Amino acid sequence: MSRGTERVVALVDMDCFFMQVEQRFDPRLRGRPCAVVQYNQWQGGGIIAVSYEARAFGVSRGMWASEARALCPELLLARVPEARGKADLTR
């Protein structure tokens, strides 16, 4: 390759990024197994982001919170705020 045309491959873990944003808002979540759940209340809500600590217990995105709690009873959940039946992303 000629100079200046080298390829760079980067991995950005956006799944954990959203959990880290919640940990920034609530420092009590830092270093603990936690996940972000969508505003749907059925089965505790669907998990949309998972901390690395929770991944160690087998918790993954796409699970219901009730399933995740069976794998990790001490799992802390951060809920996506809701406004008029939709996710409120104004925060």
Protein backbone atom coordinates (compact mmCIF):
# COMPACT_ATOMS: atom_id res chain seq x y z
CA MET A 1 0.00 0.00 0.00
CA SER A 2 1.18 3.48 -0.67
CA ARG A 3 1.70 5.88 2.20
CA GLY A 4 -1.53 7.36 3.58
CA THR A 5 -3.78 4.60 2.28
CA GLU A 6 -3.31 2.08 5.09
CA ARG A 7 -6.50 0.60 6.39
CA VAL A 8 -7.50 0.92 10.00
CA VAL A 9 -9.99 -1.45 11.59
CA ALA A 10 -11.63 -0.27 14.81
CA LEU A 11 -14.09 -2.02 17.07
CA VAL A 12 -16.54 0.15 18.99
CA ASP A 13 -18.60 -1.74 21.56
CA MET A 14 -21.79 0.33 21.36
CA ASP A 15 -23.72 -2.30 23.31
CA CYS A 16 -21.71 -1.52 26.42
CA PHE A 17 -21.55 2.20 25.57
CA PHE A 18 -25.22 2.75 26.45
CA MET A 19 -24.69 0.97 29.76
CA GLN A 20 -21.66 3.17 30.46
CA VAL A 21 -23.79 6.26 29.81
CA GLU A 22 -26.24 5.05 32.46
CA GLN A 23 -23.33 4.36 34.81
CA ARG A 24 -22.20 7.94 34.34
CA PHE A 25 -25.68 9.20 35.30
CA ASP A 26 -25.83 6.82 38.29
CA PRO A 27 -22.35 6.06 39.72
CA ARG A 28 -23.83 3.35 42.00
CA LEU A 29 -24.04 1.14 38.88
CA ARG A 30 -20.29 1.27 38.22
CA GLY A 31 -18.43 -2.00 38.67
CA ARG A 32 -21.64 -3.96 39.24
CA PRO A 33 -23.60 -6.27 36.93
CA CYS A 34 -26.25 -4.11 35.28
CA ALA A 35 -28.25 -3.72 32.10
CA VAL A 36 -30.45 -1.18 30.35
CA VAL A 37 -34.00 -2.33 29.65
CA GLN A 38 -36.49 -0.85 27.25
CA TYR A 39 -39.64 0.76 28.56
CA ASN A 40 -41.77 -2.32 27.86
CA GLN A 41 -42.86 -3.75 31.24
CA TRP A 42 -43.57 -7.29 30.00
CA GLN A 43 -41.23 -9.78 31.74
CA GLY A 44 -39.30 -6.86 33.19
CA GLY A 45 -38.54 -5.35 29.79
CA GLY A 46 -36.17 -6.31 27.00
CA ILE A 47 -32.47 -5.82 27.58
CA ILE A 48 -30.85 -3.45 25.10
CA ALA A 49 -27.39 -2.94 26.69
CA VAL A 50 -25.29 -4.98 29.14
CA SER A 51 -22.30 -4.15 31.33
CA TYR A 52 -19.18 -6.28 31.12
CA GLU A 53 -19.80 -7.44 34.70
CA ALA A 54 -23.24 -8.80 33.72
CA ARG A 55 -21.87 -10.45 30.57
CA ALA A 56 -19.67 -12.62 32.82
CA PHE A 57 -22.91 -14.22 34.14
CA GLY A 58 -24.20 -14.91 30.61
CA VAL A 59 -26.54 -11.92 30.39
CA SER A 60 -26.87 -10.66 26.80
CA ARG A 61 -28.75 -8.12 24.75
CA GLY A 62 -32.14 -9.35 23.55
CA MET A 63 -32.98 -11.26 26.75
CA TRP A 64 -35.94 -10.41 28.91
CA ALA A 65 -35.01 -8.97 32.29
CA SER A 66 -36.67 -11.93 34.01
CA GLU A 67 -34.36 -14.35 32.13
CA ALA A 68 -31.32 -12.24 32.96
CA ARG A 69 -32.21 -12.12 36.66
CA ALA A 70 -32.36 -15.93 36.67
CA LEU A 71 -28.73 -15.95 35.49
CA CYS A 72 -27.62 -13.07 37.70
CA PRO A 73 -29.89 -12.41 40.72
CA GLU A 74 -27.94 -9.27 41.75
CA LEU A 75 -28.44 -7.68 38.29
CA LEU A 76 -29.30 -3.97 38.49
CA LEU A 77 -31.57 -2.55 35.80
CA ALA A 78 -31.62 0.95 34.36
CA ARG A 79 -34.85 1.70 32.50
CA VAL A 80 -35.09 3.82 29.35
CA PRO A 81 -37.24 6.85 30.27
CA GLU A 82 -40.65 6.95 28.63
CA ALA A 83 -42.79 9.82 27.35
CA ARG A 84 -46.15 9.33 25.66
CA GLY A 85 -45.54 5.60 25.12
CA LYS A 86 -42.15 6.07 23.44
CA ALA A 87 -38.54 6.29 24.56
CA ASP A 88 -37.76 9.76 25.91
CA LEU A 89 -34.30 10.62 24.65
CA THR A 90 -34.31 14.27 25.75
CA ARG A 91 -32.18 13.61 28.84
